[in-house]
């Protein structure tokens, strides 16, 4: 006796795409934060530039919030979507 039980996953394809986009935004934010630092003999005032202090953390925060949204997003059920389409076509 062969049963074909469909596996139900917590995430669908859209969730994974949104997670990848969020990760890419976080990586861009971390790259914006990086830069040449100061060493023992010279001080580099560019480490306090607006890009390093304001823009990059904001981009990273947006990326993390986007990841949280991607995790919390509930995938649509195909079965309930099919049922609503059938009722729409019957009406």
Protein backbone atom coordinates (compact mmCIF):
# COMPACT_ATOMS: atom_id res chain seq x y z
CA UNK A 1 0.00 0.00 0.00
CA UNK A 2 1.55 3.24 -1.15
CA UNK A 3 0.53 6.53 0.42
CA UNK A 4 1.45 9.84 -1.08
CA UNK A 5 1.50 12.25 1.82
CA UNK A 6 2.50 15.73 0.81
CA UNK A 7 5.14 17.28 3.03
CA UNK A 8 4.14 20.58 4.53
CA UNK A 9 6.96 23.03 5.13
CA UNK A 10 6.86 26.11 7.32
CA UNK A 11 8.36 28.25 4.54
CA UNK A 12 7.51 28.44 0.89
CA UNK A 13 9.61 29.64 -2.01
CA UNK A 14 8.72 33.29 -1.40
CA UNK A 15 9.92 33.11 2.21
CA UNK A 16 13.31 31.84 1.09
CA UNK A 17 13.62 34.56 -1.56
CA UNK A 18 12.78 37.23 1.03
CA UNK A 19 15.33 35.73 3.43
CA UNK A 20 18.01 35.85 0.73
CA UNK A 21 17.19 39.48 -0.06
CA UNK A 22 17.37 40.38 3.64
CA UNK A 23 20.72 38.64 4.00
CA UNK A 24 22.06 40.48 0.97
CA UNK A 25 20.96 43.83 2.44
CA UNK A 26 22.66 43.00 5.76
CA UNK A 27 25.86 42.05 3.94
CA UNK A 28 25.77 45.35 2.00
CA UNK A 29 25.36 47.19 5.31
CA UNK A 30 28.34 45.39 6.80
CA UNK A 31 30.44 46.17 3.73
CA UNK A 32 29.47 49.85 4.06
CA UNK A 33 30.60 49.76 7.70
CA UNK A 34 33.99 48.35 6.85
CA UNK A 35 36.84 50.58 5.88
CA UNK A 36 40.36 51.46 6.72
CA UNK A 37 40.81 51.97 10.42
CA UNK A 38 43.34 53.79 12.49
CA UNK A 39 46.62 52.21 13.45
CA UNK A 40 48.97 52.87 16.35
CA UNK A 41 50.81 55.77 14.75
CA UNK A 42 48.15 57.59 12.71
CA UNK A 43 44.53 58.48 13.36
CA UNK A 44 42.09 58.19 10.47
CA UNK A 45 39.12 60.56 11.01
CA UNK A 46 37.25 58.89 8.12
CA UNK A 47 36.08 56.18 10.52
CA UNK A 48 33.57 58.70 11.88
CA UNK A 49 32.19 59.49 8.43
CA UNK A 50 28.39 59.55 7.96
CA UNK A 51 28.55 56.43 5.81
CA UNK A 52 30.18 54.40 8.60
CA UNK A 53 28.18 55.83 11.50
CA UNK A 54 24.68 56.52 10.11
CA UNK A 55 24.01 54.95 6.72
CA UNK A 56 25.54 51.50 7.20
CA UNK A 57 23.82 50.72 10.53
CA UNK A 58 20.49 51.88 9.10
CA UNK A 59 20.93 49.61 6.07
CA UNK A 60 21.84 46.68 8.31
CA UNK A 61 18.88 47.34 10.60
CA UNK A 62 16.54 47.43 7.60
CA UNK A 63 18.01 44.12 6.43
CA UNK A 64 17.45 42.51 9.83
CA UNK A 65 13.86 43.79 9.96
CA UNK A 66 13.31 42.42 6.47
CA UNK A 67 14.61 39.03 7.61
CA UNK A 68 12.22 39.07 10.56
CA UNK A 69 9.36 39.83 8.17
CA UNK A 70 10.45 36.96 5.92
CA UNK A 71 10.42 34.57 8.87
CA UNK A 72 7.06 35.71 10.21
CA UNK A 73 5.34 35.81 6.81
CA UNK A 74 2.77 33.04 6.63
CA UNK A 75 2.71 31.15 3.33
CA UNK A 76 -0.64 30.90 1.60
CA UNK A 77 -2.29 27.52 1.50
CA UNK A 78 -2.70 26.20 -2.01
CA UNK A 79 -5.80 24.33 -0.96
CA UNK A 80 -7.58 27.39 0.44
CA UNK A 81 -6.45 29.46 -2.55
CA UNK A 82 -7.89 26.86 -4.93
CA UNK A 83 -11.17 26.81 -3.01
CA UNK A 84 -11.54 30.59 -3.21
CA UNK A 85 -10.83 30.51 -6.93
CA UNK A 86 -13.51 27.85 -7.42
CA UNK A 87 -16.08 29.88 -5.50
CA UNK A 88 -15.18 33.00 -7.49
CA UNK A 89 -15.68 31.21 -10.80
CA UNK A 90 -19.00 29.71 -9.67
CA UNK A 91 -20.40 33.09 -8.66
